[in-house]
Amino acid sequence: MKKIVITIIAATALFGLGMRDAHAWLLLGSTDPALVPILQNAFLKYQRQPKLSQGMANASVYSAHVGTTRGYQGFEKFSITVGTMAAAQVPATTTDLGYYKKLGERLMKQGDLNIGVAWNPWSLNVGVKLPAGFAITGKFGYLKYTYDQYDFDGIHAGGMLNYQVVEPKAPVVKFVLWRGISIGTGLLWQRNNTVIHHQADPISSGGYTFKPVLDIKVTTESYVIPVEISTAVRLIWVLNIHAGGGIDFAMGTSKIRYAAVGAAYGPGVPAIFSVYGRQKGKGSKNYMPKIFVGPGLNFGPVIIDIPFTYYFMSGFNVGVTFGIIF
């Protein structure tokens, strides 16, 4: 019993030192010095992950456009919409979306990848038409959720100011409506916490077999100032198509924390190990040019929109927006 108490106290102290030093090994139950370099080879690749941290920050910026009403600018009085949006930073060397199916395994093997994922499950967006061709919209959303091996905790808020450069035009019988040209800017804020829980495959080295459970937590916070120009056309009263482009000016921070626990089995006494590390990474890219397009449906005041944005640094977002516009 006394040995167990001493072991617990030592483990607590060493774990505290690991948190302070940002990279420490906690090894209990074995005195075999060969275990330390094996642990280092297995987990040192997580000491620095600048690609991952920036990829996650980029994806956070992309998804901040949830609930957009780009395709329905030029409304006469007000708009109320609810939207959802997913975003991803994809390595420039691949266009395969199946790349993300084995994200945990890829991180375990390579340690640092130029990837990122973000999802805003919902956002309420309320807009009001102002005099002299201006319109203002504000939005907010927050949710915590878990899916498969991922935990997400995200909150966002912001607003947009649009100016109708060219007013909408249509014939007397409005079977075709061109919504004119709108320019817009605003400020969008977003904070995301993403945790990846990964049950790694056993690692065999030096006669030992490790069975680690790895957690990677990425925290991003972004401030986005978009500048956009957009247009749209409604055909045969129902089909709506919008298109445009612009640039996102983004500022933000990101940080990564990783932790691995597990057991090592080998020629010596079985050992329990824990590894902890943390670092501050780069924020998002500061300048993000983009183009966007999307189909939609218009049933009187009821609208459905499917916005898609492509960012020229191999990123994208896609969403769905429902609402009413008068």
C-alpha atoms as a PDB file:
ATOM      1  CA  MET A   1       0.000   0.000   0.000  1.00  0.00           C
ATOM      2  CA  LYS A   2       2.861   2.373   0.875  1.00  0.00           C
ATOM      3  CA  LYS A   3       4.482   1.773  -2.545  1.00  0.00           C
ATOM      4  CA  ILE A   4       1.195   2.533  -4.300  1.00  0.00           C
ATOM      5  CA  VAL A   5       0.819   5.843  -2.444  1.00  0.00           C
ATOM      6  CA  ILE A   6       4.421   6.840  -3.245  1.00  0.00           C
ATOM      7  CA  THR A   7       3.880   5.915  -6.900  1.00  0.00           C
ATOM      8  CA  ILE A   8       0.721   8.065  -7.102  1.00  0.00           C
ATOM      9  CA  ILE A   9       2.483  11.055  -5.512  1.00  0.00           C
ATOM     10  CA  ALA A  10       5.455  10.680  -7.880  1.00  0.00           C
ATOM     11  CA  ALA A  11       3.162  10.363 -10.868  1.00  0.00           C
ATOM     12  CA  THR A  12       1.287  13.541  -9.927  1.00  0.00           C
ATOM     13  CA  ALA A  13       4.527  15.485  -9.445  1.00  0.00           C
ATOM     14  CA  LEU A  14       6.045  14.290 -12.701  1.00  0.00           C
ATOM     15  CA  PHE A  15       2.853  15.015 -14.625  1.00  0.00           C
ATOM     16  CA  GLY A  16       2.925  18.566 -13.263  1.00  0.00           C
ATOM     17  CA  LEU A  17       6.505  18.941 -14.445  1.00  0.00           C
ATOM     18  CA  GLY A  18       5.489  17.598 -17.834  1.00  0.00           C
ATOM     19  CA  MET A  19       2.786  20.255 -18.120  1.00  0.00           C
ATOM     20  CA  ARG A  20       5.272  22.945 -17.135  1.00  0.00           C
ATOM     21  CA  ASP A  21       8.009  21.842 -19.488  1.00  0.00           C
ATOM     22  CA  ALA A  22       5.599  21.053 -22.351  1.00  0.00           C
ATOM     23  CA  HIS A  23       7.429  17.858 -23.236  1.00  0.00           C
ATOM     24  CA  ALA A  24       8.085  15.182 -20.632  1.00  0.00           C
ATOM     25  CA  TRP A  25       7.881  11.421 -20.315  1.00  0.00           C
ATOM     26  CA  LEU A  26       6.183   9.818 -17.322  1.00  0.00           C
ATOM     27  CA  LEU A  27       7.249   6.178 -17.023  1.00  0.00           C
ATOM     28  CA  LEU A  28       6.221   3.963 -14.125  1.00  0.00           C
ATOM     29  CA  GLY A  29       6.709   0.277 -13.355  1.00  0.00           C
ATOM     30  CA  SER A  30       9.993  -0.327 -15.223  1.00  0.00           C
ATOM     31  CA  THR A  31      13.625   0.677 -14.848  1.00  0.00           C
ATOM     32  CA  ASP A  32      14.647  -0.404 -18.339  1.00  0.00           C
ATOM     33  CA  PRO A  33      16.502   2.595 -19.884  1.00  0.00           C
ATOM     34  CA  ALA A  34      15.693   1.327 -23.388  1.00  0.00           C
ATOM     35  CA  LEU A  35      12.081   2.467 -22.965  1.00  0.00           C
ATOM     36  CA  VAL A  36      12.939   6.183 -22.962  1.00  0.00           C
ATOM     37  CA  PRO A  37      14.360   6.400 -26.524  1.00  0.00           C
ATOM     38  CA  ILE A  38      11.486   4.230 -27.761  1.00  0.00           C
ATOM     39  CA  LEU A  39       9.012   6.703 -26.286  1.00  0.00           C
ATOM     40  CA  GLN A  40      10.930   9.588 -27.778  1.00  0.00           C
ATOM     41  CA  ASN A  41      10.880   8.042 -31.255  1.00  0.00           C
ATOM     42  CA  ALA A  42       7.148   7.401 -30.963  1.00  0.00           C
ATOM     43  CA  PHE A  43       6.040  10.807 -29.670  1.00  0.00           C
ATOM     44  CA  LEU A  44       8.670  13.455 -30.396  1.00  0.00           C
ATOM     45  CA  LYS A  45       6.969  14.119 -33.742  1.00  0.00           C
ATOM     46  CA  TYR A  46       4.155  15.788 -31.807  1.00  0.00           C
ATOM     47  CA  GLN A  47       6.477  18.332 -30.224  1.00  0.00           C
ATOM     48  CA  ARG A  48       5.999  20.713 -33.143  1.00  0.00           C
ATOM     49  CA  GLN A  49       2.971  20.794 -35.444  1.00  0.00           C
ATOM     50  CA  PRO A  50       2.922  24.155 -37.285  1.00  0.00           C
ATOM     51  CA  LYS A  51       1.135  22.727 -40.332  1.00  0.00           C
ATOM     52  CA  LEU A  52      -1.694  21.237 -38.299  1.00  0.00           C
ATOM     53  CA  SER A  53      -2.150  24.319 -36.132  1.00  0.00           C
ATOM     54  CA  GLN A  54      -2.384  26.637 -39.135  1.00  0.00           C
ATOM     55  CA  GLY A  55      -4.613  24.232 -41.058  1.00  0.00           C
ATOM     56  CA  MET A  56      -7.099  24.155 -38.195  1.00  0.00           C
ATOM     57  CA  ALA A  57      -7.006  27.949 -37.894  1.00  0.00           C
ATOM     58  CA  ASN A  58      -7.641  28.295 -41.635  1.00  0.00           C
ATOM     59  CA  ALA A  59     -10.632  25.940 -41.486  1.00  0.00           C
ATOM     60  CA  SER A  60     -12.021  27.955 -38.569  1.00  0.00           C
ATOM     61  CA  VAL A  61     -11.921  31.094 -40.719  1.00  0.00           C
ATOM     62  CA  TYR A  62     -13.626  29.324 -43.625  1.00  0.00           C
ATOM     63  CA  SER A  63     -16.548  28.111 -41.503  1.00  0.00           C
ATOM     64  CA  ALA A  64     -17.149  31.574 -39.986  1.00  0.00           C
ATOM     65  CA  HIS A  65     -19.308  32.394 -43.035  1.00  0.00           C
ATOM     66  CA  VAL A  66     -22.104  30.116 -41.811  1.00  0.00           C
ATOM     67  CA  GLY A  67     -25.629  31.353 -42.533  1.00  0.00           C
ATOM     68  CA  THR A  68     -24.576  33.647 -45.373  1.00  0.00           C
ATOM     69  CA  THR A  69     -27.279  35.378 -47.475  1.00  0.00           C
ATOM     70  CA  ARG A  70     -25.030  36.288 -50.412  1.00  0.00           C
ATOM     71  CA  GLY A  71     -27.535  34.889 -52.883  1.00  0.00           C
ATOM     72  CA  TYR A  72     -30.426  37.048 -51.678  1.00  0.00           C
ATOM     73  CA  GLN A  73     -29.019  40.539 -51.317  1.00  0.00           C
ATOM     74  CA  GLY A  74     -31.332  43.326 -52.427  1.00  0.00           C
ATOM     75  CA  PHE A  75     -34.175  42.173 -50.167  1.00  0.00           C
ATOM     76  CA  GLU A  76     -36.754  44.873 -49.431  1.00  0.00           C
ATOM     77  CA  LYS A  77     -37.293  44.775 -45.657  1.00  0.00           C
ATOM     78  CA  PHE A  78     -35.637  42.038 -43.597  1.00  0.00           C
ATOM     79  CA  SER A  79     -34.240  38.509 -43.596  1.00  0.00           C
ATOM     80  CA  ILE A  80     -34.177  35.738 -40.998  1.00  0.00           C
ATOM     81  CA  THR A  81     -32.132  32.629 -41.778  1.00  0.00           C
ATOM     82  CA  VAL A  82     -30.612  29.624 -40.031  1.00  0.00           C
ATOM     83  CA  GLY A  83     -27.591  27.917 -41.533  1.00  0.00           C
ATOM     84  CA  THR A  84     -24.967  25.241 -41.055  1.00  0.00           C
ATOM     85  CA  MET A  85     -21.504  25.096 -42.610  1.00  0.00           C
ATOM     86  CA  ALA A  86     -18.535  22.725 -42.755  1.00  0.00           C
ATOM     87  CA  ALA A  87     -15.023  23.674 -43.856  1.00  0.00           C
ATOM     88  CA  ALA A  88     -11.710  22.001 -44.517  1.00  0.00           C
ATOM     89  CA  GLN A  89      -8.102  22.793 -45.236  1.00  0.00           C
ATOM     90  CA  VAL A  90      -6.887  20.177 -47.694  1.00  0.00           C
ATOM     91  CA  PRO A  91      -3.226  19.413 -48.465  1.00  0.00           C
ATOM     92  CA  ALA A  92      -2.261  20.973 -51.777  1.00  0.00           C
ATOM     93  CA  THR A  93      -1.096  17.549 -52.971  1.00  0.00           C
ATOM     94  CA  THR A  94      -4.514  15.866 -52.705  1.00  0.00           C
ATOM     95  CA  THR A  95      -8.110  16.521 -53.718  1.00  0.00           C
ATOM     96  CA  ASP A  96      -9.414  13.281 -52.196  1.00  0.00           C
ATOM     97  CA  LEU A  97     -12.001  14.042 -49.511  1.00  0.00           C
ATOM     98  CA  GLY A  98     -11.622  10.447 -48.297  1.00  0.00           C
ATOM     99  CA  TYR A  99      -8.265  11.633 -46.958  1.00  0.00           C
ATOM    100  CA  TYR A 100     -10.073  12.508 -43.718  1.00  0.00           C
ATOM    101  CA  LYS A 101     -11.446   9.035 -43.083  1.00  0.00           C
ATOM    102  CA  LYS A 102      -8.126   7.958 -41.578  1.00  0.00           C
ATOM    103  CA  LEU A 103      -7.047  11.291 -40.174  1.00  0.00           C
ATOM    104  CA  GLY A 104      -6.057   9.857 -36.797  1.00  0.00           C
ATOM    105  CA  GLU A 105      -3.840   7.195 -38.374  1.00  0.00           C
ATOM    106  CA  ARG A 106      -2.157   9.764 -40.643  1.00  0.00           C
ATOM    107  CA  LEU A 107      -1.410  12.028 -37.676  1.00  0.00           C
ATOM    108  CA  MET A 108       0.056   9.113 -35.741  1.00  0.00           C
ATOM    109  CA  LYS A 109       2.394   8.229 -38.623  1.00  0.00           C
ATOM    110  CA  GLN A 110       3.492  11.704 -39.735  1.00  0.00           C
ATOM    111  CA  GLY A 111       2.997  13.900 -36.664  1.00  0.00           C
ATOM    112  CA  ASP A 112       2.245  17.088 -38.625  1.00  0.00           C
ATOM    113  CA  LEU A 113      -0.098  17.560 -41.585  1.00  0.00           C
ATOM    114  CA  ASN A 114      -1.361  20.575 -43.497  1.00  0.00           C
ATOM    115  CA  ILE A 115      -4.985  19.769 -42.750  1.00  0.00           C
ATOM    116  CA  GLY A 116      -7.849  21.290 -40.822  1.00  0.00           C
ATOM    117  CA  VAL A 117     -11.540  20.715 -40.253  1.00  0.00           C
ATOM    118  CA  ALA A 118     -14.248  22.900 -38.734  1.00  0.00           C
ATOM    119  CA  TRP A 119     -18.012  22.786 -38.561  1.00  0.00           C
ATOM    120  CA  ASN A 120     -20.542  25.338 -37.371  1.00  0.00           C
ATOM    121  CA  PRO A 121     -23.676  23.286 -36.701  1.00  0.00           C
ATOM    122  CA  TRP A 122     -26.015  26.261 -36.682  1.00  0.00           C
ATOM    123  CA  SER A 123     -26.161  30.031 -36.890  1.00  0.00           C
ATOM    124  CA  LEU A 124     -29.059  32.469 -36.628  1.00  0.00           C
ATOM    125  CA  ASN A 125     -28.659  35.373 -39.055  1.00  0.00           C
ATOM    126  CA  VAL A 126     -30.984  38.397 -38.934  1.00  0.00           C
ATOM    127  CA  GLY A 127     -30.816  41.188 -41.513  1.00  0.00           C
ATOM    128  CA  VAL A 128     -32.526  44.571 -41.887  1.00  0.00           C
ATOM    129  CA  LYS A 129     -32.705  46.822 -44.949  1.00  0.00           C
ATOM    130  CA  LEU A 130     -31.392  50.339 -44.286  1.00  0.00           C
ATOM    131  CA  PRO A 131     -31.872  53.543 -46.303  1.00  0.00           C
ATOM    132  CA  ALA A 132     -29.675  54.462 -49.292  1.00  0.00           C
ATOM    133  CA  GLY A 133     -29.126  50.882 -50.466  1.00  0.00           C
ATOM    134  CA  PHE A 134     -27.499  49.519 -47.290  1.00  0.00           C
ATOM    135  CA  ALA A 135     -28.393  46.359 -45.373  1.00  0.00           C
ATOM    136  CA  ILE A 136     -27.001  45.094 -42.080  1.00  0.00           C
ATOM    137  CA  THR A 137     -27.023  41.533 -40.730  1.00  0.00           C
ATOM    138  CA  GLY A 138     -25.940  40.007 -37.429  1.00  0.00           C
ATOM    139  CA  LYS A 139     -25.462  36.371 -36.458  1.00  0.00           C
ATOM    140  CA  PHE A 140     -24.682  34.119 -33.526  1.00  0.00           C
ATOM    141  CA  GLY A 141     -24.257  30.401 -32.864  1.00  0.00           C
ATOM    142  CA  TYR A 142     -22.884  28.073 -30.170  1.00  0.00           C
ATOM    143  CA  LEU A 143     -22.795  24.311 -29.644  1.00  0.00           C
ATOM    144  CA  LYS A 144     -20.798  21.513 -28.047  1.00  0.00           C
ATOM    145  CA  TYR A 145     -21.005  18.079 -29.644  1.00  0.00           C
ATOM    146  CA  THR A 146     -19.192  14.788 -30.113  1.00  0.00           C
ATOM    147  CA  TYR A 147     -18.952  12.737 -33.290  1.00  0.00           C
ATOM    148  CA  ASP A 148     -17.039   9.481 -33.572  1.00  0.00           C
ATOM    149  CA  GLN A 149     -13.468  10.249 -32.372  1.00  0.00           C
ATOM    150  CA  TYR A 150     -13.901  14.039 -32.441  1.00  0.00           C
ATOM    151  CA  ASP A 151     -15.103  16.492 -29.786  1.00  0.00           C
ATOM    152  CA  PHE A 152     -16.069  19.996 -30.926  1.00  0.00           C
ATOM    153  CA  ASP A 153     -16.835  23.101 -28.892  1.00  0.00           C
ATOM    154  CA  GLY A 154     -17.454  26.201 -30.982  1.00  0.00           C
ATOM    155  CA  ILE A 155     -18.927  29.682 -30.695  1.00  0.00           C
ATOM    156  CA  HIS A 156     -19.151  32.443 -33.272  1.00  0.00           C
ATOM    157  CA  ALA A 157     -20.696  35.889 -33.682  1.00  0.00           C
ATOM    158  CA  GLY A 158     -20.449  38.736 -36.123  1.00  0.00           C
ATOM    159  CA  GLY A 159     -22.105  41.100 -38.534  1.00  0.00           C
ATOM    160  CA  MET A 160     -22.039  42.205 -42.180  1.00  0.00           C
ATOM    161  CA  LEU A 161     -22.792  45.522 -43.865  1.00  0.00           C
ATOM    162  CA  ASN A 162     -23.794  45.337 -47.535  1.00  0.00           C
ATOM    163  CA  TYR A 163     -24.301  48.069 -50.105  1.00  0.00           C
ATOM    164  CA  GLN A 164     -26.401  47.493 -53.222  1.00  0.00           C
ATOM    165  CA  VAL A 165     -24.253  48.966 -56.012  1.00  0.00           C
ATOM    166  CA  VAL A 166     -26.774  47.987 -58.697  1.00  0.00           C
ATOM    167  CA  GLU A 167     -30.425  47.540 -57.724  1.00  0.00           C
ATOM    168  CA  PRO A 168     -32.336  44.368 -58.682  1.00  0.00           C
ATOM    169  CA  LYS A 169     -33.965  44.351 -62.102  1.00  0.00           C
ATOM    170  CA  ALA A 170     -36.794  42.277 -63.594  1.00  0.00           C
ATOM    171  CA  PRO A 171     -39.409  42.406 -66.337  1.00  0.00           C
ATOM    172  CA  VAL A 172     -43.031  43.159 -65.513  1.00  0.00           C
ATOM    173  CA  VAL A 173     -43.724  39.466 -65.185  1.00  0.00           C
ATOM    174  CA  LYS A 174     -40.921  38.504 -62.813  1.00  0.00           C
ATOM    175  CA  PHE A 175     -40.148  35.055 -64.179  1.00  0.00           C
ATOM    176  CA  VAL A 176     -36.523  36.267 -64.212  1.00  0.00           C
ATOM    177  CA  LEU A 177     -35.022  38.455 -61.492  1.00  0.00           C
ATOM    178  CA  TRP A 178     -31.471  39.719 -61.529  1.00  0.00           C
ATOM    179  CA  ARG A 179     -30.611  40.663 -57.951  1.00  0.00           C
ATOM    180  CA  GLY A 180     -28.089  43.296 -59.013  1.00  0.00           C
ATOM    181  CA  ILE A 181     -24.606  43.669 -57.584  1.00  0.00           C
ATOM    182  CA  SER A 182     -23.810  43.901 -53.879  1.00  0.00           C
ATOM    183  CA  ILE A 183     -20.568  44.611 -52.036  1.00  0.00           C
ATOM    184  CA  GLY A 184     -20.142  43.738 -48.397  1.00  0.00           C
ATOM    185  CA  THR A 185     -17.786  43.733 -45.450  1.00  0.00           C
ATOM    186  CA  GLY A 186     -18.017  43.103 -41.732  1.00  0.00           C
ATOM    187  CA  LEU A 187     -16.402  41.439 -38.740  1.00  0.00           C
ATOM    188  CA  LEU A 188     -16.727  37.759 -37.837  1.00  0.00           C
ATOM    189  CA  TRP A 189     -15.359  36.243 -34.626  1.00  0.00           C
ATOM    190  CA  GLN A 190     -14.965  32.567 -33.935  1.00  0.00           C
ATOM    191  CA  ARG A 191     -13.445  30.289 -31.311  1.00  0.00           C
ATOM    192  CA  ASN A 192     -13.142  26.531 -31.783  1.00  0.00           C
ATOM    193  CA  ASN A 193     -11.891  23.725 -29.560  1.00  0.00           C
ATOM    194  CA  THR A 194     -11.344  20.432 -31.381  1.00  0.00           C
ATOM    195  CA  VAL A 195     -10.201  17.233 -29.684  1.00  0.00           C
ATOM    196  CA  ILE A 196      -9.191  14.108 -31.619  1.00  0.00           C
ATOM    197  CA  HIS A 197      -9.302  10.886 -29.587  1.00  0.00           C
ATOM    198  CA  HIS A 198      -7.339   8.156 -31.290  1.00  0.00           C
ATOM    199  CA  GLN A 199      -6.868   4.540 -30.226  1.00  0.00           C
ATOM    200  CA  ALA A 200      -3.555   3.955 -31.985  1.00  0.00           C
ATOM    201  CA  ASP A 201      -2.341   0.669 -33.361  1.00  0.00           C
ATOM    202  CA  PRO A 202       0.192  -1.076 -31.099  1.00  0.00           C
ATOM    203  CA  ILE A 203       3.789   0.099 -31.509  1.00  0.00           C
ATOM    204  CA  SER A 204       6.483  -2.607 -31.330  1.00  0.00           C
ATOM    205  CA  SER A 205      10.110  -1.694 -30.776  1.00  0.00           C
ATOM    206  CA  GLY A 206      13.062  -3.048 -28.815  1.00  0.00           C
ATOM    207  CA  GLY A 207      11.123  -6.073 -27.645  1.00  0.00           C
ATOM    208  CA  TYR A 208       8.367  -3.871 -26.184  1.00  0.00           C
ATOM    209  CA  THR A 209       4.816  -3.357 -27.391  1.00  0.00           C
ATOM    210  CA  PHE A 210       3.084  -0.049 -26.667  1.00  0.00           C
ATOM    211  CA  LYS A 211      -0.680   0.411 -26.761  1.00  0.00           C
ATOM    212  CA  PRO A 212      -1.173   4.195 -26.724  1.00  0.00           C
ATOM    213  CA  VAL A 213      -4.347   6.259 -26.614  1.00  0.00           C
ATOM    214  CA  LEU A 214      -3.626   9.684 -28.118  1.00  0.00           C
ATOM    215  CA  ASP A 215      -5.572  12.915 -27.617  1.00  0.00           C
ATOM    216  CA  ILE A 216      -4.776  16.000 -29.692  1.00  0.00           C
ATOM    217  CA  LYS A 217      -6.560  19.231 -28.720  1.00  0.00           C
ATOM    218  CA  VAL A 218      -6.450  22.217 -31.062  1.00  0.00           C
ATOM    219  CA  THR A 219      -7.788  25.604 -29.935  1.00  0.00           C
ATOM    220  CA  THR A 220      -8.245  28.373 -32.490  1.00  0.00           C
ATOM    221  CA  GLU A 221      -9.582  31.902 -32.237  1.00  0.00           C
ATOM    222  CA  SER A 222     -10.047  34.047 -35.325  1.00  0.00           C
ATOM    223  CA  TYR A 223     -11.155  37.526 -36.314  1.00  0.00           C
ATOM    224  CA  VAL A 224     -12.218  37.788 -39.955  1.00  0.00           C
ATOM    225  CA  ILE A 225     -12.896  40.904 -42.037  1.00  0.00           C
ATOM    226  CA  PRO A 226     -14.376  39.748 -45.350  1.00  0.00           C
ATOM    227  CA  VAL A 227     -14.585  41.934 -48.446  1.00  0.00           C
ATOM    228  CA  GLU A 228     -16.948  40.492 -51.049  1.00  0.00           C
ATOM    229  CA  ILE A 229     -18.770  41.302 -54.271  1.00  0.00           C
ATOM    230  CA  SER A 230     -21.710  39.135 -55.273  1.00  0.00           C
ATOM    231  CA  THR A 231     -24.583  38.823 -57.686  1.00  0.00           C
ATOM    232  CA  ALA A 232     -27.460  36.397 -58.205  1.00  0.00           C
ATOM    233  CA  VAL A 233     -30.250  35.565 -60.581  1.00  0.00           C
ATOM    234  CA  ARG A 234     -33.622  33.948 -59.953  1.00  0.00           C
ATOM    235  CA  LEU A 235     -35.042  31.892 -62.826  1.00  0.00           C
ATOM    236  CA  ILE A 236     -38.691  30.850 -63.393  1.00  0.00           C
ATOM    237  CA  TRP A 237     -39.612  32.185 -59.937  1.00  0.00           C
ATOM    238  CA  VAL A 238     -37.940  29.274 -58.104  1.00  0.00           C
ATOM    239  CA  LEU A 239     -34.319  28.550 -59.014  1.00  0.00           C
ATOM    240  CA  ASN A 240     -31.746  30.939 -57.544  1.00  0.00           C
ATOM    241  CA  ILE A 241     -28.042  30.960 -58.437  1.00  0.00           C
ATOM    242  CA  HIS A 242     -25.432  33.240 -56.872  1.00  0.00           C
ATOM    243  CA  ALA A 243     -21.748  33.823 -57.574  1.00  0.00           C
ATOM    244  CA  GLY A 244     -18.969  36.179 -56.567  1.00  0.00           C
ATOM    245  CA  GLY A 245     -15.587  36.519 -54.963  1.00  0.00           C
ATOM    246  CA  GLY A 246     -13.485  38.459 -52.542  1.00  0.00           C
ATOM    247  CA  ILE A 247     -10.867  38.141 -49.859  1.00  0.00           C
ATOM    248  CA  ASP A 248     -10.853  37.398 -46.139  1.00  0.00           C
ATOM    249  CA  PHE A 249      -8.495  39.401 -43.951  1.00  0.00           C
ATOM    250  CA  ALA A 250      -7.942  37.154 -40.967  1.00  0.00           C
ATOM    251  CA  MET A 251      -6.149  37.459 -37.639  1.00  0.00           C
ATOM    252  CA  GLY A 252      -6.005  34.775 -35.013  1.00  0.00           C
ATOM    253  CA  THR A 253      -4.102  32.378 -32.814  1.00  0.00           C
ATOM    254  CA  SER A 254      -3.940  28.635 -32.397  1.00  0.00           C
ATOM    255  CA  LYS A 255      -2.393  26.238 -29.935  1.00  0.00           C
ATOM    256  CA  ILE A 256      -2.070  22.485 -29.696  1.00  0.00           C
ATOM    257  CA  ARG A 257      -1.952  20.193 -26.690  1.00  0.00           C
ATOM    258  CA  TYR A 258      -1.340  16.490 -26.935  1.00  0.00           C
ATOM    259  CA  ALA A 259      -1.457  13.706 -24.376  1.00  0.00           C
ATOM    260  CA  ALA A 260      -0.844   9.972 -24.727  1.00  0.00           C
ATOM    261  CA  VAL A 261      -1.327   7.253 -22.149  1.00  0.00           C
ATOM    262  CA  GLY A 262      -0.941   3.513 -22.367  1.00  0.00           C
ATOM    263  CA  ALA A 263       0.910   0.428 -21.283  1.00  0.00           C
ATOM    264  CA  ALA A 264       4.194  -1.050 -22.484  1.00  0.00           C
ATOM    265  CA  TYR A 265       4.699  -4.796 -22.405  1.00  0.00           C
ATOM    266  CA  GLY A 266       8.096  -6.403 -22.850  1.00  0.00           C
ATOM    267  CA  PRO A 267      10.914  -8.372 -21.257  1.00  0.00           C
ATOM    268  CA  GLY A 268      10.824  -6.253 -18.091  1.00  0.00           C
ATOM    269  CA  VAL A 269       7.990  -5.448 -15.734  1.00  0.00           C
ATOM    270  CA  PRO A 270       4.983  -3.970 -17.628  1.00  0.00           C
ATOM    271  CA  ALA A 271       5.199  -0.175 -17.581  1.00  0.00           C
ATOM    272  CA  ILE A 272       2.522   2.509 -17.655  1.00  0.00           C
ATOM    273  CA  PHE A 273       3.518   5.594 -19.603  1.00  0.00           C
ATOM    274  CA  SER A 274       2.103   9.058 -20.135  1.00  0.00           C
ATOM    275  CA  VAL A 275       3.310  11.762 -22.506  1.00  0.00           C
ATOM    276  CA  TYR A 276       2.173  15.384 -22.488  1.00  0.00           C
ATOM    277  CA  GLY A 277       3.069  18.317 -24.684  1.00  0.00           C
ATOM    278  CA  ARG A 278       1.768  21.731 -25.623  1.00  0.00           C
ATOM    279  CA  GLN A 279       2.733  24.511 -27.978  1.00  0.00           C
ATOM    280  CA  LYS A 280       1.473  27.705 -29.513  1.00  0.00           C
ATOM    281  CA  GLY A 281       1.188  27.478 -33.257  1.00  0.00           C
ATOM    282  CA  LYS A 282       0.629  29.898 -36.071  1.00  0.00           C
ATOM    283  CA  GLY A 283      -2.721  31.489 -36.582  1.00  0.00           C
ATOM    284  CA  SER A 284      -4.570  31.461 -39.849  1.00  0.00           C
ATOM    285  CA  LYS A 285      -3.282  32.931 -43.075  1.00  0.00           C
ATOM    286  CA  ASN A 286      -3.770  36.699 -43.046  1.00  0.00           C
ATOM    287  CA  TYR A 287      -4.980  37.078 -46.651  1.00  0.00           C
ATOM    288  CA  MET A 288      -7.385  34.523 -48.123  1.00  0.00           C
ATOM    289  CA  PRO A 289      -8.661  35.193 -51.675  1.00  0.00           C
ATOM    290  CA  LYS A 290     -11.755  33.237 -52.608  1.00  0.00           C
ATOM    291  CA  ILE A 291     -14.522  32.674 -55.121  1.00  0.00           C
ATOM    292  CA  PHE A 292     -17.989  31.384 -54.312  1.00  0.00           C
ATOM    293  CA  VAL A 293     -21.065  30.013 -56.037  1.00  0.00           C
ATOM    294  CA  GLY A 294     -24.225  28.256 -55.009  1.00  0.00           C
ATOM    295  CA  PRO A 295     -27.639  27.053 -56.136  1.00  0.00           C
ATOM    296  CA  GLY A 296     -30.778  27.799 -54.187  1.00  0.00           C
ATOM    297  CA  LEU A 297     -34.559  27.629 -54.193  1.00  0.00           C
ATOM    298  CA  ASN A 298     -37.019  30.487 -53.729  1.00  0.00           C
ATOM    299  CA  PHE A 299     -40.649  29.739 -52.769  1.00  0.00           C
ATOM    300  CA  GLY A 300     -42.093  33.202 -52.209  1.00  0.00           C
ATOM    301  CA  PRO A 301     -40.497  34.498 -49.009  1.00  0.00           C
ATOM    302  CA  VAL A 302     -39.036  31.058 -48.157  1.00  0.00           C
ATOM    303  CA  ILE A 303     -35.486  30.448 -49.366  1.00  0.00           C
ATOM    304  CA  ILE A 304     -33.014  27.562 -49.405  1.00  0.00           C
ATOM    305  CA  ASP A 305     -29.385  28.214 -50.311  1.00  0.00           C
ATOM    306  CA  ILE A 306     -26.341  25.931 -50.703  1.00  0.00           C
ATOM    307  CA  PRO A 307     -23.251  28.164 -50.625  1.00  0.00           C
ATOM    308  CA  PHE A 308     -19.855  26.814 -51.670  1.00  0.00           C
ATOM    309  CA  THR A 309     -16.593  28.751 -51.356  1.00  0.00           C
ATOM    310  CA  TYR A 310     -13.202  27.821 -52.747  1.00  0.00           C
ATOM    311  CA  TYR A 311     -10.113  29.378 -51.155  1.00  0.00           C
ATOM    312  CA  PHE A 312      -6.984  29.574 -53.260  1.00  0.00           C
ATOM    313  CA  MET A 313      -4.820  28.061 -50.508  1.00  0.00           C
ATOM    314  CA  SER A 314      -6.518  24.653 -51.006  1.00  0.00           C
ATOM    315  CA  GLY A 315      -9.445  25.213 -48.680  1.00  0.00           C
ATOM    316  CA  PHE A 316     -13.208  25.276 -48.999  1.00  0.00           C
ATOM    317  CA  ASN A 317     -16.501  25.555 -47.174  1.00  0.00           C
ATOM    318  CA  VAL A 318     -19.973  24.293 -48.000  1.00  0.00           C
ATOM    319  CA  GLY A 319     -23.212  24.931 -46.183  1.00  0.00           C
ATOM    320  CA  VAL A 320     -26.999  24.994 -46.216  1.00  0.00           C
ATOM    321  CA  THR A 321     -29.154  28.003 -45.318  1.00  0.00           C
ATOM    322  CA  PHE A 322     -32.912  28.091 -44.701  1.00  0.00           C
ATOM    323  CA  GLY A 323     -35.002  31.162 -43.995  1.00  0.00           C
ATOM    324  CA  ILE A 324     -37.448  33.836 -45.024  1.00  0.00           C
ATOM    325  CA  ILE A 325     -36.727  37.079 -46.858  1.00  0.00           C
ATOM    326  CA  PHE A 326     -39.150  39.949 -47.469  1.00  0.00           C
END
